[in-house]
C-alpha atoms as a PDB file:
ATOM      1  CA  UNK A   1       0.731  52.627 107.772  1.00  0.00           C
ATOM      2  CA  UNK A   2      -2.047  55.177 107.319  1.00  0.00           C
ATOM      3  CA  UNK A   3      -5.617  54.029 107.883  1.00  0.00           C
ATOM      4  CA  UNK A   4      -6.919  52.880 104.484  1.00  0.00           C
ATOM      5  CA  UNK A   5     -10.427  54.287 104.947  1.00  0.00           C
ATOM      6  CA  UNK A   6      -9.118  57.752 105.823  1.00  0.00           C
ATOM      7  CA  UNK A   7      -6.658  57.623 102.931  1.00  0.00           C
ATOM      8  CA  UNK A   8      -9.472  56.727 100.523  1.00  0.00           C
ATOM      9  CA  UNK A   9     -11.492  59.716 101.728  1.00  0.00           C
ATOM     10  CA  UNK A  10      -8.475  61.973 101.273  1.00  0.00           C
ATOM     11  CA  UNK A  11      -7.938  60.827  97.675  1.00  0.00           C
ATOM     12  CA  UNK A  12     -11.635  61.313  96.900  1.00  0.00           C
ATOM     13  CA  UNK A  13     -11.503  64.842  98.357  1.00  0.00           C
ATOM     14  CA  UNK A  14      -8.402  65.694  96.316  1.00  0.00           C
ATOM     15  CA  UNK A  15     -10.028  64.255  93.196  1.00  0.00           C
ATOM     16  CA  UNK A  16     -12.925  66.630  93.752  1.00  0.00           C
ATOM     17  CA  UNK A  17     -10.545  69.581  94.143  1.00  0.00           C
ATOM     18  CA  UNK A  18      -8.676  68.678  90.954  1.00  0.00           C
ATOM     19  CA  UNK A  19     -11.946  68.443  89.027  1.00  0.00           C
ATOM     20  CA  UNK A  20     -13.563  71.584  90.451  1.00  0.00           C
ATOM     21  CA  UNK A  21     -10.453  73.663  89.752  1.00  0.00           C
ATOM     22  CA  UNK A  22     -10.491  72.559  86.117  1.00  0.00           C
ATOM     23  CA  UNK A  23      -7.215  70.676  86.320  1.00  0.00           C
ATOM     24  CA  UNK A  24      -8.914  67.726  84.586  1.00  0.00           C
ATOM     25  CA  UNK A  25     -11.898  67.224  82.298  1.00  0.00           C
ATOM     26  CA  UNK A  26     -14.170  64.214  81.936  1.00  0.00           C
ATOM     27  CA  UNK A  27     -12.329  61.145  83.270  1.00  0.00           C
ATOM     28  CA  UNK A  28      -8.821  62.562  82.891  1.00  0.00           C
ATOM     29  CA  UNK A  29      -6.036  62.347  85.449  1.00  0.00           C
ATOM     30  CA  UNK A  30      -5.014  59.850  88.100  1.00  0.00           C
ATOM     31  CA  UNK A  31      -4.071  59.998  91.768  1.00  0.00           C
ATOM     32  CA  UNK A  32      -2.396  57.496  94.066  1.00  0.00           C
ATOM     33  CA  UNK A  33      -1.060  57.179  97.584  1.00  0.00           C
ATOM     34  CA  UNK A  34       1.274  54.683  99.173  1.00  0.00           C
ATOM     35  CA  UNK A  35      -0.325  52.626 101.957  1.00  0.00           C
ATOM     36  CA  UNK A  36       2.849  50.828 102.952  1.00  0.00           C
ATOM     37  CA  UNK A  37       6.048  49.724 101.228  1.00  0.00           C
ATOM     38  CA  UNK A  38       4.365  47.127  99.031  1.00  0.00           C
ATOM     39  CA  UNK A  39       0.843  48.512  98.474  1.00  0.00           C
ATOM     40  CA  UNK A  40      -0.739  51.614  96.963  1.00  0.00           C
ATOM     41  CA  UNK A  41      -4.221  53.065  96.533  1.00  0.00           C
ATOM     42  CA  UNK A  42      -4.968  54.361  93.028  1.00  0.00           C
ATOM     43  CA  UNK A  43      -7.914  55.895  91.211  1.00  0.00           C
ATOM     44  CA  UNK A  44      -9.875  53.817  88.684  1.00  0.00           C
ATOM     45  CA  UNK A  45      -9.991  54.282  84.937  1.00  0.00           C
ATOM     46  CA  UNK A  46     -13.163  55.665  83.375  1.00  0.00           C
ATOM     47  CA  UNK A  47     -14.375  57.524  86.461  1.00  0.00           C
ATOM     48  CA  UNK A  48     -14.417  61.322  86.796  1.00  0.00           C
ATOM     49  CA  UNK A  49     -12.183  62.540  89.594  1.00  0.00           C
ATOM     50  CA  UNK A  50     -14.977  64.872  90.660  1.00  0.00           C
ATOM     51  CA  UNK A  51     -17.461  62.069  91.293  1.00  0.00           C
ATOM     52  CA  UNK A  52     -15.408  59.268  92.805  1.00  0.00           C
ATOM     53  CA  UNK A  53     -16.485  57.343  95.880  1.00  0.00           C
ATOM     54  CA  UNK A  54     -14.128  55.647  98.370  1.00  0.00           C
ATOM     55  CA  UNK A  55     -15.244  52.216  97.165  1.00  0.00           C
ATOM     56  CA  UNK A  56     -14.110  53.083  93.612  1.00  0.00           C
ATOM     57  CA  UNK A  57     -10.432  53.076  94.608  1.00  0.00           C
ATOM     58  CA  UNK A  58      -8.172  50.104  93.925  1.00  0.00           C
ATOM     59  CA  UNK A  59      -5.442  48.567  96.061  1.00  0.00           C
ATOM     60  CA  UNK A  60      -2.442  47.290  94.093  1.00  0.00           C
ATOM     61  CA  UNK A  61       0.891  45.780  94.995  1.00  0.00           C
ATOM     62  CA  UNK A  62       4.159  47.171  93.651  1.00  0.00           C
ATOM     63  CA  UNK A  63       4.163  44.607  90.854  1.00  0.00           C
ATOM     64  CA  UNK A  64       0.881  45.956  89.473  1.00  0.00           C
ATOM     65  CA  UNK A  65      -1.345  43.174  90.785  1.00  0.00           C
ATOM     66  CA  UNK A  66      -4.823  44.259  91.890  1.00  0.00           C
ATOM     67  CA  UNK A  67      -5.422  43.151  95.467  1.00  0.00           C
ATOM     68  CA  UNK A  68      -8.761  44.809  96.130  1.00  0.00           C
ATOM     69  CA  UNK A  69     -11.368  46.714  94.131  1.00  0.00           C
ATOM     70  CA  UNK A  70     -14.116  46.055  91.595  1.00  0.00           C
ATOM     71  CA  UNK A  71     -12.941  48.537  88.965  1.00  0.00           C
ATOM     72  CA  UNK A  72      -9.918  48.621  86.688  1.00  0.00           C
ATOM     73  CA  UNK A  73      -7.017  50.779  87.875  1.00  0.00           C
ATOM     74  CA  UNK A  74      -5.888  53.799  85.919  1.00  0.00           C
ATOM     75  CA  UNK A  75      -4.241  52.841  82.647  1.00  0.00           C
ATOM     76  CA  UNK A  76      -1.224  54.847  83.831  1.00  0.00           C
ATOM     77  CA  UNK A  77      -0.715  52.909  87.066  1.00  0.00           C
ATOM     78  CA  UNK A  78       2.775  51.869  85.950  1.00  0.00           C
ATOM     79  CA  UNK A  79       3.880  55.518  86.036  1.00  0.00           C
ATOM     80  CA  UNK A  80       2.779  55.764  89.672  1.00  0.00           C
ATOM     81  CA  UNK A  81       4.529  52.541  90.629  1.00  0.00           C
ATOM     82  CA  UNK A  82       7.737  53.704  88.991  1.00  0.00           C
ATOM     83  CA  UNK A  83       7.680  57.033  90.849  1.00  0.00           C
ATOM     84  CA  UNK A  84       7.447  55.165  94.173  1.00  0.00           C
ATOM     85  CA  UNK A  85      10.245  52.802  93.187  1.00  0.00           C
ATOM     86  CA  UNK A  86      12.538  55.622  92.080  1.00  0.00           C
ATOM     87  CA  UNK A  87      11.820  57.791  95.120  1.00  0.00           C
ATOM     88  CA  UNK A  88      11.290  55.825  98.373  1.00  0.00           C
ATOM     89  CA  UNK A  89      10.486  59.110 100.150  1.00  0.00           C
ATOM     90  CA  UNK A  90       7.447  59.673  97.915  1.00  0.00           C
ATOM     91  CA  UNK A  91       4.032  58.589  99.209  1.00  0.00           C
ATOM     92  CA  UNK A  92       1.724  60.503  96.892  1.00  0.00           C
ATOM     93  CA  UNK A  93       1.490  61.002  93.110  1.00  0.00           C
ATOM     94  CA  UNK A  94      -0.838  63.361  91.242  1.00  0.00           C
ATOM     95  CA  UNK A  95      -1.237  63.531  87.463  1.00  0.00           C
ATOM     96  CA  UNK A  96      -3.541  66.101  85.853  1.00  0.00           C
ATOM     97  CA  UNK A  97      -3.910  68.477  82.902  1.00  0.00           C
ATOM     98  CA  UNK A  98      -4.074  71.961  84.473  1.00  0.00           C
ATOM     99  CA  UNK A  99      -4.622  74.413  81.570  1.00  0.00           C
ATOM    100  CA  UNK A 100      -1.824  76.942  82.105  1.00  0.00           C
ATOM    101  CA  UNK A 101       0.866  74.431  83.059  1.00  0.00           C
ATOM    102  CA  UNK A 102      -0.232  72.164  80.212  1.00  0.00           C
ATOM    103  CA  UNK A 103      -0.178  75.175  77.885  1.00  0.00           C
ATOM    104  CA  UNK A 104       3.508  75.668  78.707  1.00  0.00           C
ATOM    105  CA  UNK A 105       4.087  71.934  78.145  1.00  0.00           C
ATOM    106  CA  UNK A 106       2.417  72.148  74.719  1.00  0.00           C
ATOM    107  CA  UNK A 107       4.410  75.278  73.851  1.00  0.00           C
ATOM    108  CA  UNK A 108       7.637  73.537  74.890  1.00  0.00           C
ATOM    109  CA  UNK A 109       8.450  76.145  77.542  1.00  0.00           C
ATOM    110  CA  UNK A 110       9.699  74.832  80.907  1.00  0.00           C
ATOM    111  CA  UNK A 111       8.738  76.660  84.091  1.00  0.00           C
ATOM    112  CA  UNK A 112      12.356  77.184  84.988  1.00  0.00           C
ATOM    113  CA  UNK A 113      12.773  80.911  85.585  1.00  0.00           C
ATOM    114  CA  UNK A 114      13.596  82.119  89.098  1.00  0.00           C
ATOM    115  CA  UNK A 115      10.565  84.341  89.559  1.00  0.00           C
ATOM    116  CA  UNK A 116       8.415  83.567  92.604  1.00  0.00           C
ATOM    117  CA  UNK A 117      10.046  82.902  96.000  1.00  0.00           C
ATOM    118  CA  UNK A 118       7.363  80.417  97.055  1.00  0.00           C
ATOM    119  CA  UNK A 119       7.848  78.362  93.900  1.00  0.00           C
ATOM    120  CA  UNK A 120      11.635  78.374  94.199  1.00  0.00           C
ATOM    121  CA  UNK A 121      11.413  77.131  97.780  1.00  0.00           C
ATOM    122  CA  UNK A 122       8.704  74.524  97.210  1.00  0.00           C
ATOM    123  CA  UNK A 123       9.539  73.263  93.714  1.00  0.00           C
ATOM    124  CA  UNK A 124      12.551  74.939  92.160  1.00  0.00           C
ATOM    125  CA  UNK A 125      12.518  74.829  88.369  1.00  0.00           C
ATOM    126  CA  UNK A 126       9.965  72.630  86.630  1.00  0.00           C
ATOM    127  CA  UNK A 127      11.383  70.755  83.610  1.00  0.00           C
ATOM    128  CA  UNK A 128       9.583  69.368  80.571  1.00  0.00           C
ATOM    129  CA  UNK A 129       9.822  65.621  80.034  1.00  0.00           C
ATOM    130  CA  UNK A 130       9.710  64.636  76.371  1.00  0.00           C
ATOM    131  CA  UNK A 131       6.484  63.264  74.925  1.00  0.00           C
ATOM    132  CA  UNK A 132       5.590  59.662  75.655  1.00  0.00           C
ATOM    133  CA  UNK A 133       2.510  57.685  74.654  1.00  0.00           C
ATOM    134  CA  UNK A 134      -0.137  57.863  77.422  1.00  0.00           C
ATOM    135  CA  UNK A 135      -1.029  54.559  79.030  1.00  0.00           C
ATOM    136  CA  UNK A 136       2.374  53.039  78.278  1.00  0.00           C
ATOM    137  CA  UNK A 137       5.810  53.011  79.916  1.00  0.00           C
ATOM    138  CA  UNK A 138       6.893  55.542  77.279  1.00  0.00           C
ATOM    139  CA  UNK A 139       4.840  58.177  79.116  1.00  0.00           C
ATOM    140  CA  UNK A 140       7.014  58.183  82.217  1.00  0.00           C
ATOM    141  CA  UNK A 141      10.386  57.034  80.867  1.00  0.00           C
ATOM    142  CA  UNK A 142      11.417  60.631  79.951  1.00  0.00           C
ATOM    143  CA  UNK A 143      10.587  61.694  83.530  1.00  0.00           C
ATOM    144  CA  UNK A 144      13.176  59.329  84.988  1.00  0.00           C
ATOM    145  CA  UNK A 145      16.122  61.601  84.244  1.00  0.00           C
ATOM    146  CA  UNK A 146      14.514  64.283  86.433  1.00  0.00           C
ATOM    147  CA  UNK A 147      12.780  62.289  89.151  1.00  0.00           C
ATOM    148  CA  UNK A 148      15.714  62.126  91.562  1.00  0.00           C
ATOM    149  CA  UNK A 149      16.132  65.892  91.609  1.00  0.00           C
ATOM    150  CA  UNK A 150      12.638  67.337  91.067  1.00  0.00           C
ATOM    151  CA  UNK A 151       9.117  66.963  92.471  1.00  0.00           C
ATOM    152  CA  UNK A 152       7.124  68.550  89.628  1.00  0.00           C
ATOM    153  CA  UNK A 153       7.240  67.890  85.891  1.00  0.00           C
ATOM    154  CA  UNK A 154       5.584  69.094  82.716  1.00  0.00           C
ATOM    155  CA  UNK A 155       4.750  66.257  80.331  1.00  0.00           C
ATOM    156  CA  UNK A 156       5.231  67.425  76.755  1.00  0.00           C
ATOM    157  CA  UNK A 157       1.905  67.702  74.877  1.00  0.00           C
ATOM    158  CA  UNK A 158       0.135  65.921  77.711  1.00  0.00           C
ATOM    159  CA  UNK A 159      -0.095  67.479  81.170  1.00  0.00           C
ATOM    160  CA  UNK A 160       1.681  67.664  84.496  1.00  0.00           C
ATOM    161  CA  UNK A 161       2.909  65.326  87.224  1.00  0.00           C
ATOM    162  CA  UNK A 162       3.771  65.991  90.871  1.00  0.00           C
ATOM    163  CA  UNK A 163       5.078  63.786  93.666  1.00  0.00           C
ATOM    164  CA  UNK A 164       5.206  64.382  97.401  1.00  0.00           C
ATOM    165  CA  UNK A 165       5.691  63.070 100.920  1.00  0.00           C
ATOM    166  CA  UNK A 166       1.945  62.318 100.997  1.00  0.00           C
ATOM    167  CA  UNK A 167      -0.970  62.762  98.622  1.00  0.00           C
ATOM    168  CA  UNK A 168      -1.966  66.185  99.957  1.00  0.00           C
ATOM    169  CA  UNK A 169       1.613  67.396  99.520  1.00  0.00           C
ATOM    170  CA  UNK A 170       1.665  66.099  95.936  1.00  0.00           C
ATOM    171  CA  UNK A 171      -1.634  67.861  95.202  1.00  0.00           C
ATOM    172  CA  UNK A 172      -0.422  71.139  96.713  1.00  0.00           C
ATOM    173  CA  UNK A 173       2.592  71.005  94.389  1.00  0.00           C
ATOM    174  CA  UNK A 174       0.228  70.640  91.428  1.00  0.00           C
ATOM    175  CA  UNK A 175      -1.708  73.677  92.647  1.00  0.00           C
ATOM    176  CA  UNK A 176       1.500  75.696  93.127  1.00  0.00           C
ATOM    177  CA  UNK A 177       2.725  74.767  89.643  1.00  0.00           C
ATOM    178  CA  UNK A 178      -0.535  75.801  87.973  1.00  0.00           C
ATOM    179  CA  UNK A 179      -0.683  79.057  89.930  1.00  0.00           C
ATOM    180  CA  UNK A 180       2.884  79.853  88.859  1.00  0.00           C
ATOM    181  CA  UNK A 181       2.126  78.999  85.231  1.00  0.00           C
ATOM    182  CA  UNK A 182      -0.891  81.313  85.294  1.00  0.00           C
ATOM    183  CA  UNK A 183       1.110  84.206  86.772  1.00  0.00           C
ATOM    184  CA  UNK A 184       3.980  83.652  84.338  1.00  0.00           C
ATOM    185  CA  UNK A 185       1.536  83.591  81.402  1.00  0.00           C
ATOM    186  CA  UNK A 186       0.052  86.934  82.478  1.00  0.00           C
ATOM    187  CA  UNK A 187       3.460  88.562  82.993  1.00  0.00           C
ATOM    188  CA  UNK A 188       4.710  87.320  79.607  1.00  0.00           C
ATOM    189  CA  UNK A 189       1.528  88.618  77.989  1.00  0.00           C
ATOM    190  CA  UNK A 190       2.081  92.017  79.619  1.00  0.00           C
ATOM    191  CA  UNK A 191       5.530  92.045  78.069  1.00  0.00           C
ATOM    192  CA  UNK A 192       7.932  91.659  80.985  1.00  0.00           C
ATOM    193  CA  UNK A 193       9.140  89.041  83.460  1.00  0.00           C
ATOM    194  CA  UNK A 194      11.300  90.204  86.355  1.00  0.00           C
ATOM    195  CA  UNK A 195      13.580  87.390  87.513  1.00  0.00           C
ATOM    196  CA  UNK A 196      15.203  87.272  90.932  1.00  0.00           C
ATOM    197  CA  UNK A 197      18.898  88.031  91.349  1.00  0.00           C
ATOM    198  CA  UNK A 198      21.539  85.471  92.243  1.00  0.00           C
ATOM    199  CA  UNK A 199      21.655  86.893  95.781  1.00  0.00           C
ATOM    200  CA  UNK A 200      17.869  86.597  96.113  1.00  0.00           C
ATOM    201  CA  UNK A 201      17.961  82.986  94.941  1.00  0.00           C
ATOM    202  CA  UNK A 202      20.884  82.237  97.253  1.00  0.00           C
ATOM    203  CA  UNK A 203      18.821  83.430 100.227  1.00  0.00           C
ATOM    204  CA  UNK A 204      15.965  81.158  99.126  1.00  0.00           C
ATOM    205  CA  UNK A 205      18.345  78.212  98.812  1.00  0.00           C
ATOM    206  CA  UNK A 206      19.300  78.791 102.446  1.00  0.00           C
ATOM    207  CA  UNK A 207      15.605  78.644 103.344  1.00  0.00           C
ATOM    208  CA  UNK A 208      15.212  75.380 101.438  1.00  0.00           C
ATOM    209  CA  UNK A 209      18.051  73.869 103.432  1.00  0.00           C
ATOM    210  CA  UNK A 210      16.455  74.986 106.699  1.00  0.00           C
ATOM    211  CA  UNK A 211      13.197  73.331 105.622  1.00  0.00           C
ATOM    212  CA  UNK A 212      15.020  70.111 104.733  1.00  0.00           C
ATOM    213  CA  UNK A 213      14.210  70.332 101.000  1.00  0.00           C
ATOM    214  CA  UNK A 214      16.857  68.349  99.136  1.00  0.00           C
ATOM    215  CA  UNK A 215      15.695  68.528  95.509  1.00  0.00           C
ATOM    216  CA  UNK A 216      17.540  70.809  93.065  1.00  0.00           C
ATOM    217  CA  UNK A 217      16.623  74.478  92.749  1.00  0.00           C
ATOM    218  CA  UNK A 218      16.893  74.061  88.994  1.00  0.00           C
ATOM    219  CA  UNK A 219      15.629  77.496  87.956  1.00  0.00           C
ATOM    220  CA  UNK A 220      17.501  79.842  85.659  1.00  0.00           C
ATOM    221  CA  UNK A 221      19.004  83.077  86.970  1.00  0.00           C
ATOM    222  CA  UNK A 222      19.014  85.483  84.031  1.00  0.00           C
ATOM    223  CA  UNK A 223      22.089  87.682  83.396  1.00  0.00           C
ATOM    224  CA  UNK A 224      19.722  90.643  83.350  1.00  0.00           C
ATOM    225  CA  UNK A 225      16.885  91.142  85.804  1.00  0.00           C
ATOM    226  CA  UNK A 226      14.234  91.254  83.101  1.00  0.00           C
ATOM    227  CA  UNK A 227      13.140  88.870  80.389  1.00  0.00           C
ATOM    228  CA  UNK A 228      11.166  90.492  77.618  1.00  0.00           C
ATOM    229  CA  UNK A 229       7.970  88.926  76.348  1.00  0.00           C
ATOM    230  CA  UNK A 230       5.657  90.374  73.684  1.00  0.00           C
ATOM    231  CA  UNK A 231       6.361  94.051  73.082  1.00  0.00           C
ATOM    232  CA  UNK A 232       4.102  96.584  74.763  1.00  0.00           C
ATOM    233  CA  UNK A 233       2.944  99.870  73.284  1.00  0.00           C
ATOM    234  CA  UNK A 234       1.392 101.037  76.546  1.00  0.00           C
ATOM    235  CA  UNK A 235       2.884 102.923  79.501  1.00  0.00           C
ATOM    236  CA  UNK A 236       3.842 101.118  82.724  1.00  0.00           C
ATOM    237  CA  UNK A 237       1.063 102.836  84.680  1.00  0.00           C
ATOM    238  CA  UNK A 238      -2.316 102.202  83.088  1.00  0.00           C
ATOM    239  CA  UNK A 239      -5.906 102.034  84.174  1.00  0.00           C
ATOM    240  CA  UNK A 240      -7.997  98.869  84.207  1.00  0.00           C
ATOM    241  CA  UNK A 241      -9.539  99.373  80.743  1.00  0.00           C
ATOM    242  CA  UNK A 242      -6.107  99.962  79.237  1.00  0.00           C
ATOM    243  CA  UNK A 243      -4.796  96.827  80.949  1.00  0.00           C
ATOM    244  CA  UNK A 244      -7.601  94.729  79.445  1.00  0.00           C
ATOM    245  CA  UNK A 245      -6.888  96.232  76.017  1.00  0.00           C
ATOM    246  CA  UNK A 246      -3.177  95.516  76.393  1.00  0.00           C
ATOM    247  CA  UNK A 247      -3.764  91.871  77.244  1.00  0.00           C
ATOM    248  CA  UNK A 248      -6.321  91.473  74.434  1.00  0.00           C
ATOM    249  CA  UNK A 249      -4.016  93.051  71.835  1.00  0.00           C
ATOM    250  CA  UNK A 250      -1.079  90.914  72.952  1.00  0.00           C
ATOM    251  CA  UNK A 251      -3.110  87.690  72.757  1.00  0.00           C
ATOM    252  CA  UNK A 252      -4.461  88.599  69.318  1.00  0.00           C
ATOM    253  CA  UNK A 253      -0.906  89.226  68.095  1.00  0.00           C
ATOM    254  CA  UNK A 254       0.079  85.760  69.329  1.00  0.00           C
ATOM    255  CA  UNK A 255      -2.823  84.207  67.416  1.00  0.00           C
ATOM    256  CA  UNK A 256      -2.029  85.879  64.085  1.00  0.00           C
END
């Protein structure tokens, strides 16, 4: 069992990171960590993740009973409890609304292309779970068909969810997912996404096995090595001003 005081400080620090990076606004998001098999620490409802204090956190049992804490737990505590029940290896859960990843969730586009080696190794493909009403069991029920084989999920029209071996690991997966979504957005805007070959992905699968990662790779290997996004009228080699103009024109076309 991890020391509760140190775990509280870690959750508070991660809450600050999530807030400062713009992954949440106002009082959005929720974070939890498993203390032991029958208890978790979870963030309170109605408190900004950027301004939490250790004493704000709540201790709950796996049945949802509050054991310690003056505040109400996150309204989505049942989603956290279910993740721990479905995956005994999980000891940290992070839910946020990072803009680029959430943008893909709103657009209905999964992050499932084999593009970045680091993402393939750490996360594999990132599926979209169908929309469910926040604050109810319907929010996480669509995640259940993916939870055994994935560690990161887009929540349709809502946000993102990551799980990990501890709370820092879960947070790092959220950061990796958002970074990937940002890069993929830029490459699609520029008009081209180069996907890795089957041989490249096979080599990365070997690395995953060496690292003991057992979740599915789950990313799509395209028949061709390139996936076209918005068309580009500019040459491959351009200066900085031309690059800015290209991105601006592409975004304006999307908005028309």
